[in-house]
Amino acid sequence: MSEARTAALRGFRSGTDHRQNARGLARQARPLYTPEEKQRRDTTSWTLVQGLLAPFQFLVFLVSLVLVVRCLLTGEGAFAADLSVIAKTLTLYTIMVTGSIWEKVVFGKWLFAPAFFWEDVVSMLVIALHTTYLVMLLGKVGTLEARLTVALAAYLTYVVNAAQFLLKLRAARLQATGAAA
């Protein structure tokens, strides 16, 4: 057995020790917002813009999801499904641009600020899939079914990304209530 592996195994004395160490590290992690970042978040109008665009995008997503699934199941409504995915994509682009501005104002970085790094990484995948759909549509690449399948993949990734942001909002609220306690 290598020395590195032996040393690593010694570090895990028991499962309980490991879990306690992990919880301790989580408690010591950087807070989501520094006091300065929180102040900037609370005073910028971009926070309100994001707060309005996010539920709007979710509503567009729900309508589009129904139209895309309907088209895949029945073969009808391809034009409506395409229009809805275009609307979802334009809404996504809008929220990504305004979100990047928000991130610059709050954290000083256009994207990939440490507090939202993984959310931004997954957002890039969401954008890539939506853009792939548009390229397929405008370039007449692939079948309708293939294009709608890409839309569904984009939507699944969007749901994962939305969950990431909701969990981050919850963490921010817990941080705020913990600081107030």
C-alpha atoms as a PDB file:
ATOM      1  CA  MET A   1       0.000   0.000   0.000  1.00  0.00           C
ATOM      2  CA  SER A   2       1.372   3.427  -0.893  1.00  0.00           C
ATOM      3  CA  GLU A   3       2.327   5.926   1.807  1.00  0.00           C
ATOM      4  CA  ALA A   4      -0.210   8.437   0.506  1.00  0.00           C
ATOM      5  CA  ARG A   5      -3.029   5.924   0.653  1.00  0.00           C
ATOM      6  CA  THR A   6      -2.019   4.771   4.142  1.00  0.00           C
ATOM      7  CA  ALA A   7      -1.924   8.379   5.344  1.00  0.00           C
ATOM      8  CA  ALA A   8      -5.313   9.063   3.776  1.00  0.00           C
ATOM      9  CA  LEU A   9      -6.833   5.998   5.422  1.00  0.00           C
ATOM     10  CA  ARG A  10      -5.412   7.025   8.810  1.00  0.00           C
ATOM     11  CA  GLY A  11      -7.236  10.332   8.407  1.00  0.00           C
ATOM     12  CA  PHE A  12     -10.553   8.462   8.506  1.00  0.00           C
ATOM     13  CA  ARG A  13     -10.409   6.989  11.993  1.00  0.00           C
ATOM     14  CA  SER A  14     -14.113   6.276  11.982  1.00  0.00           C
ATOM     15  CA  GLY A  15     -17.186   7.237  10.032  1.00  0.00           C
ATOM     16  CA  THR A  16     -18.414   9.307  12.970  1.00  0.00           C
ATOM     17  CA  ASP A  17     -15.184  11.314  13.112  1.00  0.00           C
ATOM     18  CA  HIS A  18     -15.419  11.940   9.378  1.00  0.00           C
ATOM     19  CA  ARG A  19     -19.034  13.164   9.580  1.00  0.00           C
ATOM     20  CA  GLN A  20     -18.231  15.420  12.520  1.00  0.00           C
ATOM     21  CA  ASN A  21     -15.242  16.867  10.650  1.00  0.00           C
ATOM     22  CA  ALA A  22     -17.394  17.495   7.568  1.00  0.00           C
ATOM     23  CA  ARG A  23     -20.015  19.316   9.653  1.00  0.00           C
ATOM     24  CA  GLY A  24     -17.316  21.358  11.326  1.00  0.00           C
ATOM     25  CA  LEU A  25     -15.880  22.362   7.959  1.00  0.00           C
ATOM     26  CA  ALA A  26     -19.353  23.330   6.721  1.00  0.00           C
ATOM     27  CA  ARG A  27     -19.801  25.598   9.742  1.00  0.00           C
ATOM     28  CA  GLN A  28     -16.432  27.229   9.112  1.00  0.00           C
ATOM     29  CA  ALA A  29     -17.127  27.805   5.409  1.00  0.00           C
ATOM     30  CA  ARG A  30     -17.230  31.349   4.089  1.00  0.00           C
ATOM     31  CA  PRO A  31     -20.640  32.927   4.571  1.00  0.00           C
ATOM     32  CA  LEU A  32     -22.612  33.358   1.359  1.00  0.00           C
ATOM     33  CA  TYR A  33     -22.353  37.153   1.572  1.00  0.00           C
ATOM     34  CA  THR A  34     -19.914  39.345   3.420  1.00  0.00           C
ATOM     35  CA  PRO A  35     -21.589  42.326   5.127  1.00  0.00           C
ATOM     36  CA  GLU A  36     -20.444  44.542   2.216  1.00  0.00           C
ATOM     37  CA  GLU A  37     -21.788  42.124  -0.405  1.00  0.00           C
ATOM     38  CA  LYS A  38     -25.082  41.829   1.463  1.00  0.00           C
ATOM     39  CA  GLN A  39     -25.387  45.619   1.542  1.00  0.00           C
ATOM     40  CA  ARG A  40     -24.698  45.825  -2.213  1.00  0.00           C
ATOM     41  CA  ARG A  41     -27.177  42.984  -2.860  1.00  0.00           C
ATOM     42  CA  ASP A  42     -29.863  44.745  -0.854  1.00  0.00           C
ATOM     43  CA  THR A  43     -29.386  48.161  -2.481  1.00  0.00           C
ATOM     44  CA  THR A  44     -28.953  47.300  -6.159  1.00  0.00           C
ATOM     45  CA  SER A  45     -31.996  47.390  -8.427  1.00  0.00           C
ATOM     46  CA  TRP A  46     -30.577  44.291 -10.159  1.00  0.00           C
ATOM     47  CA  THR A  47     -31.726  42.184  -7.204  1.00  0.00           C
ATOM     48  CA  LEU A  48     -35.332  43.198  -7.926  1.00  0.00           C
ATOM     49  CA  VAL A  49     -34.808  42.543 -11.654  1.00  0.00           C
ATOM     50  CA  GLN A  50     -33.587  39.012 -10.859  1.00  0.00           C
ATOM     51  CA  GLY A  51     -36.440  38.508  -8.415  1.00  0.00           C
ATOM     52  CA  LEU A  52     -38.979  39.380 -11.123  1.00  0.00           C
ATOM     53  CA  LEU A  53     -37.312  37.590 -14.027  1.00  0.00           C
ATOM     54  CA  ALA A  54     -36.786  34.262 -12.234  1.00  0.00           C
ATOM     55  CA  PRO A  55     -40.491  33.466 -11.664  1.00  0.00           C
ATOM     56  CA  PHE A  56     -41.344  34.844 -15.116  1.00  0.00           C
ATOM     57  CA  GLN A  57     -38.782  32.499 -16.674  1.00  0.00           C
ATOM     58  CA  PHE A  58     -40.251  29.613 -14.676  1.00  0.00           C
ATOM     59  CA  LEU A  59     -43.739  30.414 -15.990  1.00  0.00           C
ATOM     60  CA  VAL A  60     -42.431  30.538 -19.585  1.00  0.00           C
ATOM     61  CA  PHE A  61     -40.677  27.219 -18.923  1.00  0.00           C
ATOM     62  CA  LEU A  62     -43.887  25.553 -17.677  1.00  0.00           C
ATOM     63  CA  VAL A  63     -45.916  26.692 -20.691  1.00  0.00           C
ATOM     64  CA  SER A  64     -43.162  25.649 -23.080  1.00  0.00           C
ATOM     65  CA  LEU A  65     -42.712  22.292 -21.378  1.00  0.00           C
ATOM     66  CA  VAL A  66     -46.386  21.513 -21.907  1.00  0.00           C
ATOM     67  CA  LEU A  67     -46.197  22.537 -25.572  1.00  0.00           C
ATOM     68  CA  VAL A  68     -42.992  20.563 -26.216  1.00  0.00           C
ATOM     69  CA  VAL A  69     -44.311  17.409 -24.543  1.00  0.00           C
ATOM     70  CA  ARG A  70     -47.638  17.769 -26.374  1.00  0.00           C
ATOM     71  CA  CYS A  71     -45.808  18.036 -29.697  1.00  0.00           C
ATOM     72  CA  LEU A  72     -43.628  15.026 -28.939  1.00  0.00           C
ATOM     73  CA  LEU A  73     -46.626  12.917 -27.892  1.00  0.00           C
ATOM     74  CA  THR A  74     -49.083  13.949 -30.608  1.00  0.00           C
ATOM     75  CA  GLY A  75     -46.942  15.339 -33.413  1.00  0.00           C
ATOM     76  CA  GLU A  76     -49.098  18.466 -33.382  1.00  0.00           C
ATOM     77  CA  GLY A  77     -48.227  22.029 -32.457  1.00  0.00           C
ATOM     78  CA  ALA A  78     -44.626  22.108 -33.683  1.00  0.00           C
ATOM     79  CA  PHE A  79     -44.823  25.830 -34.470  1.00  0.00           C
ATOM     80  CA  ALA A  80     -46.175  26.650 -30.996  1.00  0.00           C
ATOM     81  CA  ALA A  81     -43.539  24.439 -29.374  1.00  0.00           C
ATOM     82  CA  ASP A  82     -40.770  26.129 -31.371  1.00  0.00           C
ATOM     83  CA  LEU A  83     -42.053  29.596 -30.472  1.00  0.00           C
ATOM     84  CA  SER A  84     -42.241  28.648 -26.815  1.00  0.00           C
ATOM     85  CA  VAL A  85     -38.664  27.356 -26.760  1.00  0.00           C
ATOM     86  CA  ILE A  86     -37.524  30.545 -28.490  1.00  0.00           C
ATOM     87  CA  ALA A  87     -39.354  32.575 -25.817  1.00  0.00           C
ATOM     88  CA  LYS A  88     -37.770  30.461 -23.064  1.00  0.00           C
ATOM     89  CA  THR A  89     -34.325  30.900 -24.624  1.00  0.00           C
ATOM     90  CA  LEU A  90     -34.685  34.677 -24.943  1.00  0.00           C
ATOM     91  CA  THR A  91     -35.892  34.848 -21.345  1.00  0.00           C
ATOM     92  CA  LEU A  92     -32.899  32.749 -20.290  1.00  0.00           C
ATOM     93  CA  TYR A  93     -30.475  35.028 -22.155  1.00  0.00           C
ATOM     94  CA  THR A  94     -32.067  38.053 -20.484  1.00  0.00           C
ATOM     95  CA  ILE A  95     -31.818  36.622 -16.990  1.00  0.00           C
ATOM     96  CA  MET A  96     -28.230  35.523 -17.628  1.00  0.00           C
ATOM     97  CA  VAL A  97     -27.131  38.981 -18.791  1.00  0.00           C
ATOM     98  CA  THR A  98     -28.897  40.749 -15.925  1.00  0.00           C
ATOM     99  CA  GLY A  99     -27.667  38.087 -13.494  1.00  0.00           C
ATOM    100  CA  SER A 100     -24.117  38.675 -14.650  1.00  0.00           C
ATOM    101  CA  ILE A 101     -24.559  42.402 -14.027  1.00  0.00           C
ATOM    102  CA  TRP A 102     -25.996  41.608 -10.573  1.00  0.00           C
ATOM    103  CA  GLU A 103     -23.007  39.367  -9.820  1.00  0.00           C
ATOM    104  CA  LYS A 104     -20.591  42.130 -10.903  1.00  0.00           C
ATOM    105  CA  VAL A 105     -22.322  44.685  -8.670  1.00  0.00           C
ATOM    106  CA  VAL A 106     -22.528  42.373  -5.640  1.00  0.00           C
ATOM    107  CA  PHE A 107     -19.317  40.322  -5.917  1.00  0.00           C
ATOM    108  CA  GLY A 108     -17.117  42.323  -8.304  1.00  0.00           C
ATOM    109  CA  LYS A 109     -17.042  39.510 -10.920  1.00  0.00           C
ATOM    110  CA  TRP A 110     -19.186  39.166 -14.031  1.00  0.00           C
ATOM    111  CA  LEU A 111     -19.500  35.416 -13.536  1.00  0.00           C
ATOM    112  CA  PHE A 112     -18.134  32.578 -11.434  1.00  0.00           C
ATOM    113  CA  ALA A 113     -17.936  34.472  -8.141  1.00  0.00           C
ATOM    114  CA  PRO A 114     -17.067  31.897  -5.469  1.00  0.00           C
ATOM    115  CA  ALA A 115     -20.516  32.153  -3.848  1.00  0.00           C
ATOM    116  CA  PHE A 116     -22.263  31.196  -7.111  1.00  0.00           C
ATOM    117  CA  PHE A 117     -19.539  29.293  -8.958  1.00  0.00           C
ATOM    118  CA  TRP A 118     -21.371  25.978  -9.448  1.00  0.00           C
ATOM    119  CA  GLU A 119     -24.667  27.686 -10.247  1.00  0.00           C
ATOM    120  CA  ASP A 120     -22.861  29.609 -12.991  1.00  0.00           C
ATOM    121  CA  VAL A 121     -21.187  26.448 -14.303  1.00  0.00           C
ATOM    122  CA  VAL A 122     -24.547  24.692 -14.668  1.00  0.00           C
ATOM    123  CA  SER A 123     -26.043  27.889 -16.129  1.00  0.00           C
ATOM    124  CA  MET A 124     -23.453  27.685 -18.909  1.00  0.00           C
ATOM    125  CA  LEU A 125     -24.666  24.175 -19.727  1.00  0.00           C
ATOM    126  CA  VAL A 126     -28.279  25.406 -19.723  1.00  0.00           C
ATOM    127  CA  ILE A 127     -27.320  28.189 -22.146  1.00  0.00           C
ATOM    128  CA  ALA A 128     -25.373  25.781 -24.361  1.00  0.00           C
ATOM    129  CA  LEU A 129     -28.346  23.424 -24.647  1.00  0.00           C
ATOM    130  CA  HIS A 130     -30.827  26.233 -25.376  1.00  0.00           C
ATOM    131  CA  THR A 131     -28.431  27.660 -27.966  1.00  0.00           C
ATOM    132  CA  THR A 132     -28.037  24.219 -29.530  1.00  0.00           C
ATOM    133  CA  TYR A 133     -31.809  24.131 -29.935  1.00  0.00           C
ATOM    134  CA  LEU A 134     -31.758  27.498 -31.722  1.00  0.00           C
ATOM    135  CA  VAL A 135     -28.911  26.386 -34.005  1.00  0.00           C
ATOM    136  CA  MET A 136     -30.839  23.228 -34.866  1.00  0.00           C
ATOM    137  CA  LEU A 137     -34.014  25.216 -35.548  1.00  0.00           C
ATOM    138  CA  LEU A 138     -32.477  28.038 -37.563  1.00  0.00           C
ATOM    139  CA  GLY A 139     -29.980  25.784 -39.346  1.00  0.00           C
ATOM    140  CA  LYS A 140     -32.624  23.150 -40.080  1.00  0.00           C
ATOM    141  CA  VAL A 141     -30.382  20.541 -38.428  1.00  0.00           C
ATOM    142  CA  GLY A 142     -31.909  17.248 -37.318  1.00  0.00           C
ATOM    143  CA  THR A 143     -35.500  16.178 -36.983  1.00  0.00           C
ATOM    144  CA  LEU A 144     -38.256  17.858 -35.022  1.00  0.00           C
ATOM    145  CA  GLU A 145     -38.038  15.056 -32.457  1.00  0.00           C
ATOM    146  CA  ALA A 146     -34.275  15.507 -32.076  1.00  0.00           C
ATOM    147  CA  ARG A 147     -34.688  19.243 -31.626  1.00  0.00           C
ATOM    148  CA  LEU A 148     -37.445  18.829 -29.044  1.00  0.00           C
ATOM    149  CA  THR A 149     -35.338  16.244 -27.222  1.00  0.00           C
ATOM    150  CA  VAL A 150     -32.567  18.845 -26.961  1.00  0.00           C
ATOM    151  CA  ALA A 151     -35.176  21.257 -25.574  1.00  0.00           C
ATOM    152  CA  LEU A 152     -36.158  18.683 -22.945  1.00  0.00           C
ATOM    153  CA  ALA A 153     -32.501  18.170 -22.022  1.00  0.00           C
ATOM    154  CA  ALA A 154     -32.154  21.950 -21.707  1.00  0.00           C
ATOM    155  CA  TYR A 155     -35.247  22.055 -19.519  1.00  0.00           C
ATOM    156  CA  LEU A 156     -34.055  19.243 -17.279  1.00  0.00           C
ATOM    157  CA  THR A 157     -30.749  21.056 -16.803  1.00  0.00           C
ATOM    158  CA  TYR A 158     -32.656  24.292 -16.158  1.00  0.00           C
ATOM    159  CA  VAL A 159     -34.629  22.561 -13.377  1.00  0.00           C
ATOM    160  CA  VAL A 160     -31.381  21.400 -11.771  1.00  0.00           C
ATOM    161  CA  ASN A 161     -30.006  24.939 -12.047  1.00  0.00           C
ATOM    162  CA  ALA A 162     -33.179  26.469 -10.604  1.00  0.00           C
ATOM    163  CA  ALA A 163     -32.938  24.047  -7.668  1.00  0.00           C
ATOM    164  CA  GLN A 164     -29.333  25.159  -7.117  1.00  0.00           C
ATOM    165  CA  PHE A 165     -30.433  28.785  -6.903  1.00  0.00           C
ATOM    166  CA  LEU A 166     -33.366  27.978  -4.614  1.00  0.00           C
ATOM    167  CA  LEU A 167     -31.036  26.117  -2.270  1.00  0.00           C
ATOM    168  CA  LYS A 168     -28.661  29.102  -2.355  1.00  0.00           C
ATOM    169  CA  LEU A 169     -31.545  31.458  -1.480  1.00  0.00           C
ATOM    170  CA  ARG A 170     -32.480  29.187   1.406  1.00  0.00           C
ATOM    171  CA  ALA A 171     -28.862  29.189   2.604  1.00  0.00           C
ATOM    172  CA  ALA A 172     -28.824  32.992   2.460  1.00  0.00           C
ATOM    173  CA  ARG A 173     -32.027  33.162   4.524  1.00  0.00           C
ATOM    174  CA  LEU A 174     -30.636  30.701   7.063  1.00  0.00           C
ATOM    175  CA  GLN A 175     -27.422  32.734   7.225  1.00  0.00           C
ATOM    176  CA  ALA A 176     -29.443  35.908   7.827  1.00  0.00           C
ATOM    177  CA  THR A 177     -31.572  34.321  10.569  1.00  0.00           C
ATOM    178  CA  GLY A 178     -28.475  32.769  12.134  1.00  0.00           C
ATOM    179  CA  ALA A 179     -26.779  36.167  12.219  1.00  0.00           C
ATOM    180  CA  ALA A 180     -29.868  37.739  13.774  1.00  0.00           C
ATOM    181  CA  ALA A 181     -30.127  35.068  16.482  1.00  0.00           C
END
